[in-house]
Amino acid sequence: MKKKTFYLPKNWYTVKKKKISCKEKIKLLNQNIEEFQNLANDILDEAILMGVDKKQLLEIMSNVISSTDSSLKSAK
């Protein structure tokens, strides 16, 4: 079994720095982050098995995250 390391904040905040209190929203967001972490771990494991340099892959994954943007008008 894989070691689970999740980096979830104690609280989530809106753009206006207001604490999000809806438990369902928090639950869904936390689940999405955990799924993202699991997927990233799977990608890394598969790449290592293929012989890919871990440092290079993590740099590429970081670039992908940094360039990620929303298509929603209200999120920009």
N, C-alpha and C. Protein backbone atom coordinates (compact mmCIF):
# COMPACT_ATOMS: atom_id res chain seq x y z
N MET A 1 0.84 -1.19 0.00
CA MET A 1 0.00 0.00 0.00
C MET A 1 0.89 1.25 0.00
N LYS A 2 0.48 2.22 -0.76
CA LYS A 2 1.23 3.47 -0.87
C LYS A 2 1.04 4.32 0.37
N LYS A 3 2.11 5.03 0.72
CA LYS A 3 2.03 6.00 1.82
C LYS A 3 1.22 7.20 1.31
N LYS A 4 0.24 7.60 2.07
CA LYS A 4 -0.58 8.75 1.68
C LYS A 4 -0.06 10.01 2.34
N THR A 5 0.25 10.98 1.54
CA THR A 5 0.68 12.27 2.05
C THR A 5 -0.17 13.33 1.37
N PHE A 6 -1.06 13.91 2.13
CA PHE A 6 -1.94 14.93 1.57
C PHE A 6 -1.65 16.25 2.26
N TYR A 7 -1.67 17.29 1.50
CA TYR A 7 -1.38 18.62 2.00
C TYR A 7 -2.65 19.47 1.96
N LEU A 8 -3.53 19.16 2.87
CA LEU A 8 -4.80 19.89 2.92
C LEU A 8 -4.72 20.97 3.99
N PRO A 9 -5.24 22.14 3.66
CA PRO A 9 -5.22 23.23 4.66
C PRO A 9 -6.26 22.97 5.75
N LYS A 10 -6.06 23.59 6.87
CA LYS A 10 -7.03 23.48 7.95
C LYS A 10 -8.34 24.15 7.54
N ASN A 11 -8.24 25.25 6.79
CA ASN A 11 -9.41 25.98 6.31
C ASN A 11 -9.21 26.36 4.84
N TRP A 12 -10.33 26.44 4.12
CA TRP A 12 -10.33 26.94 2.74
C TRP A 12 -10.93 28.34 2.77
N TYR A 13 -10.43 29.22 1.90
CA TYR A 13 -10.89 30.61 1.88
C TYR A 13 -11.32 31.03 0.48
N THR A 14 -12.23 31.99 0.44
CA THR A 14 -12.66 32.59 -0.82
C THR A 14 -11.61 33.60 -1.27
N VAL A 15 -11.81 34.15 -2.45
CA VAL A 15 -10.93 35.18 -2.98
C VAL A 15 -10.90 36.39 -2.05
N LYS A 16 -12.01 36.64 -1.39
CA LYS A 16 -12.12 37.77 -0.47
C LYS A 16 -11.67 37.41 0.95
N LYS A 17 -10.98 36.29 1.09
CA LYS A 17 -10.40 35.83 2.38
C LYS A 17 -11.46 35.46 3.42
N LYS A 18 -12.66 35.12 2.95
CA LYS A 18 -13.70 34.66 3.86
C LYS A 18 -13.62 33.14 3.96
N LYS A 19 -13.68 32.62 5.16
CA LYS A 19 -13.58 31.18 5.39
C LYS A 19 -14.78 30.46 4.78
N ILE A 20 -14.52 29.39 4.05
CA ILE A 20 -15.60 28.59 3.48
C ILE A 20 -16.09 27.65 4.57
N SER A 21 -17.39 27.70 4.83
CA SER A 21 -17.95 26.92 5.94
C SER A 21 -18.82 25.75 5.50
N CYS A 22 -19.19 25.70 4.23
CA CYS A 22 -20.04 24.62 3.74
C CYS A 22 -19.27 23.29 3.77
N LYS A 23 -19.73 22.38 4.61
CA LYS A 23 -19.04 21.11 4.79
C LYS A 23 -19.00 20.28 3.51
N GLU A 24 -20.03 20.35 2.71
CA GLU A 24 -20.06 19.58 1.46
C GLU A 24 -19.03 20.11 0.45
N LYS A 25 -18.90 21.43 0.37
CA LYS A 25 -17.89 22.03 -0.51
C LYS A 25 -16.49 21.62 -0.08
N ILE A 26 -16.24 21.70 1.23
CA ILE A 26 -14.94 21.34 1.77
C ILE A 26 -14.63 19.87 1.52
N LYS A 27 -15.62 19.03 1.75
CA LYS A 27 -15.45 17.59 1.54
C LYS A 27 -15.12 17.29 0.08
N LEU A 28 -15.86 17.89 -0.84
CA LEU A 28 -15.62 17.67 -2.26
C LEU A 28 -14.24 18.17 -2.68
N LEU A 29 -13.88 19.36 -2.25
CA LEU A 29 -12.57 19.91 -2.59
C LEU A 29 -11.45 19.04 -2.04
N ASN A 30 -11.57 18.61 -0.78
CA ASN A 30 -10.55 17.74 -0.20
C ASN A 30 -10.44 16.41 -0.94
N GLN A 31 -11.58 15.85 -1.34
CA GLN A 31 -11.56 14.61 -2.11
C GLN A 31 -10.87 14.81 -3.45
N ASN A 32 -11.13 15.94 -4.10
CA ASN A 32 -10.48 16.23 -5.38
C ASN A 32 -8.97 16.36 -5.22
N ILE A 33 -8.52 17.01 -4.15
CA ILE A 33 -7.10 17.16 -3.89
C ILE A 33 -6.46 15.79 -3.63
N GLU A 34 -7.13 14.94 -2.87
CA GLU A 34 -6.62 13.60 -2.60
C GLU A 34 -6.53 12.78 -3.88
N GLU A 35 -7.52 12.88 -4.76
CA GLU A 35 -7.48 12.18 -6.04
C GLU A 35 -6.32 12.69 -6.90
N PHE A 36 -6.11 13.99 -6.88
CA PHE A 36 -5.02 14.60 -7.62
C PHE A 36 -3.67 14.07 -7.11
N GLN A 37 -3.52 14.00 -5.78
CA GLN A 37 -2.30 13.46 -5.17
C GLN A 37 -2.08 12.02 -5.58
N ASN A 38 -3.14 11.22 -5.55
CA ASN A 38 -3.03 9.81 -5.96
C ASN A 38 -2.62 9.68 -7.42
N LEU A 39 -3.22 10.50 -8.29
CA LEU A 39 -2.87 10.47 -9.70
C LEU A 39 -1.42 10.88 -9.92
N ALA A 40 -0.99 11.93 -9.22
CA ALA A 40 0.41 12.37 -9.34
C ALA A 40 1.36 11.26 -8.89
N ASN A 41 1.02 10.57 -7.80
CA ASN A 41 1.85 9.46 -7.33
C ASN A 41 1.90 8.34 -8.36
N ASP A 42 0.76 8.02 -8.98
CA ASP A 42 0.72 6.97 -10.01
C ASP A 42 1.57 7.35 -11.22
N ILE A 43 1.48 8.61 -11.65
CA ILE A 43 2.28 9.08 -12.79
C ILE A 43 3.76 8.95 -12.46
N LEU A 44 4.14 9.36 -11.27
CA LEU A 44 5.54 9.29 -10.86
C LEU A 44 6.02 7.84 -10.80
N ASP A 45 5.23 6.95 -10.20
CA ASP A 45 5.61 5.54 -10.12
C ASP A 45 5.81 4.93 -11.50
N GLU A 46 4.87 5.19 -12.41
CA GLU A 46 4.97 4.63 -13.75
C GLU A 46 6.18 5.18 -14.49
N ALA A 47 6.45 6.46 -14.33
CA ALA A 47 7.60 7.07 -14.99
C ALA A 47 8.91 6.47 -14.47
N ILE A 48 8.99 6.27 -13.17
CA ILE A 48 10.20 5.67 -12.59
C ILE A 48 10.39 4.26 -13.12
N LEU A 49 9.29 3.50 -13.21
CA LEU A 49 9.40 2.15 -13.77
C LEU A 49 9.87 2.17 -15.22
N MET A 50 9.57 3.24 -15.95
CA MET A 50 10.01 3.39 -17.34
C MET A 50 11.44 3.88 -17.43
N GLY A 51 12.01 4.27 -16.29
CA GLY A 51 13.38 4.75 -16.28
C GLY A 51 13.52 6.25 -16.40
N VAL A 52 12.42 6.99 -16.27
CA VAL A 52 12.45 8.44 -16.37
C VAL A 52 13.09 9.02 -15.10
N ASP A 53 13.86 10.08 -15.27
CA ASP A 53 14.48 10.77 -14.15
C ASP A 53 13.39 11.43 -13.30
N LYS A 54 13.36 11.10 -12.01
CA LYS A 54 12.34 11.61 -11.10
C LYS A 54 12.37 13.14 -11.04
N LYS A 55 13.55 13.72 -10.95
CA LYS A 55 13.68 15.17 -10.84
C LYS A 55 13.09 15.86 -12.08
N GLN A 56 13.37 15.31 -13.25
CA GLN A 56 12.84 15.91 -14.48
C GLN A 56 11.31 15.82 -14.50
N LEU A 57 10.77 14.66 -14.14
CA LEU A 57 9.32 14.51 -14.15
C LEU A 57 8.65 15.47 -13.17
N LEU A 58 9.21 15.60 -11.97
CA LEU A 58 8.62 16.51 -10.99
C LEU A 58 8.67 17.95 -11.48
N GLU A 59 9.73 18.31 -12.20
CA GLU A 59 9.82 19.65 -12.77
C GLU A 59 8.73 19.86 -13.82
N ILE A 60 8.52 18.87 -14.66
CA ILE A 60 7.47 18.95 -15.69
C ILE A 60 6.09 19.05 -15.03
N MET A 61 5.85 18.23 -14.02
CA MET A 61 4.56 18.26 -13.32
C MET A 61 4.34 19.61 -12.65
N SER A 62 5.38 20.17 -12.09
CA SER A 62 5.30 21.49 -11.48
C SER A 62 4.96 22.55 -12.53
N ASN A 63 5.57 22.45 -13.71
CA ASN A 63 5.27 23.39 -14.80
C ASN A 63 3.82 23.27 -15.24
N VAL A 64 3.31 22.05 -15.30
CA VAL A 64 1.92 21.84 -15.68
C VAL A 64 0.99 22.51 -14.66
N ILE A 65 1.27 22.30 -13.39
CA ILE A 65 0.44 22.91 -12.34
C ILE A 65 0.52 24.43 -12.41
N SER A 66 1.72 24.96 -12.59
CA SER A 66 1.90 26.42 -12.65
C SER A 66 1.17 27.04 -13.84
N SER A 67 1.03 26.29 -14.92
CA SER A 67 0.39 26.85 -16.11
C SER A 67 -1.11 26.54 -16.18
N THR A 68 -1.63 25.87 -15.17
CA THR A 68 -3.04 25.53 -15.14
C THR A 68 -3.87 26.78 -14.86
N ASP A 69 -4.98 26.95 -15.62
CA ASP A 69 -5.83 28.10 -15.45
C ASP A 69 -7.27 27.68 -15.65
N SER A 70 -8.17 28.43 -15.08
CA SER A 70 -9.60 28.15 -15.21
C SER A 70 -10.16 28.85 -16.44
N SER A 71 -11.13 28.20 -17.05
CA SER A 71 -11.83 28.82 -18.18
C SER A 71 -13.06 29.58 -17.69
N LEU A 72 -13.32 29.55 -16.40
CA LEU A 72 -14.48 30.25 -15.84
C LEU A 72 -14.16 31.73 -15.71
N LYS A 73 -15.07 32.57 -16.18
CA LYS A 73 -14.85 34.02 -16.12
C LYS A 73 -14.75 34.52 -14.69
N SER A 74 -15.55 33.97 -13.78
CA SER A 74 -15.56 34.45 -12.40
C SER A 74 -14.31 34.02 -11.63
N ALA A 75 -13.54 33.08 -12.16
CA ALA A 75 -12.36 32.58 -11.46
C ALA A 75 -11.10 33.30 -11.86
N LYS A 76 -11.19 34.20 -12.84
CA LYS A 76 -9.98 34.86 -13.34
C LYS A 76 -9.70 36.14 -12.61
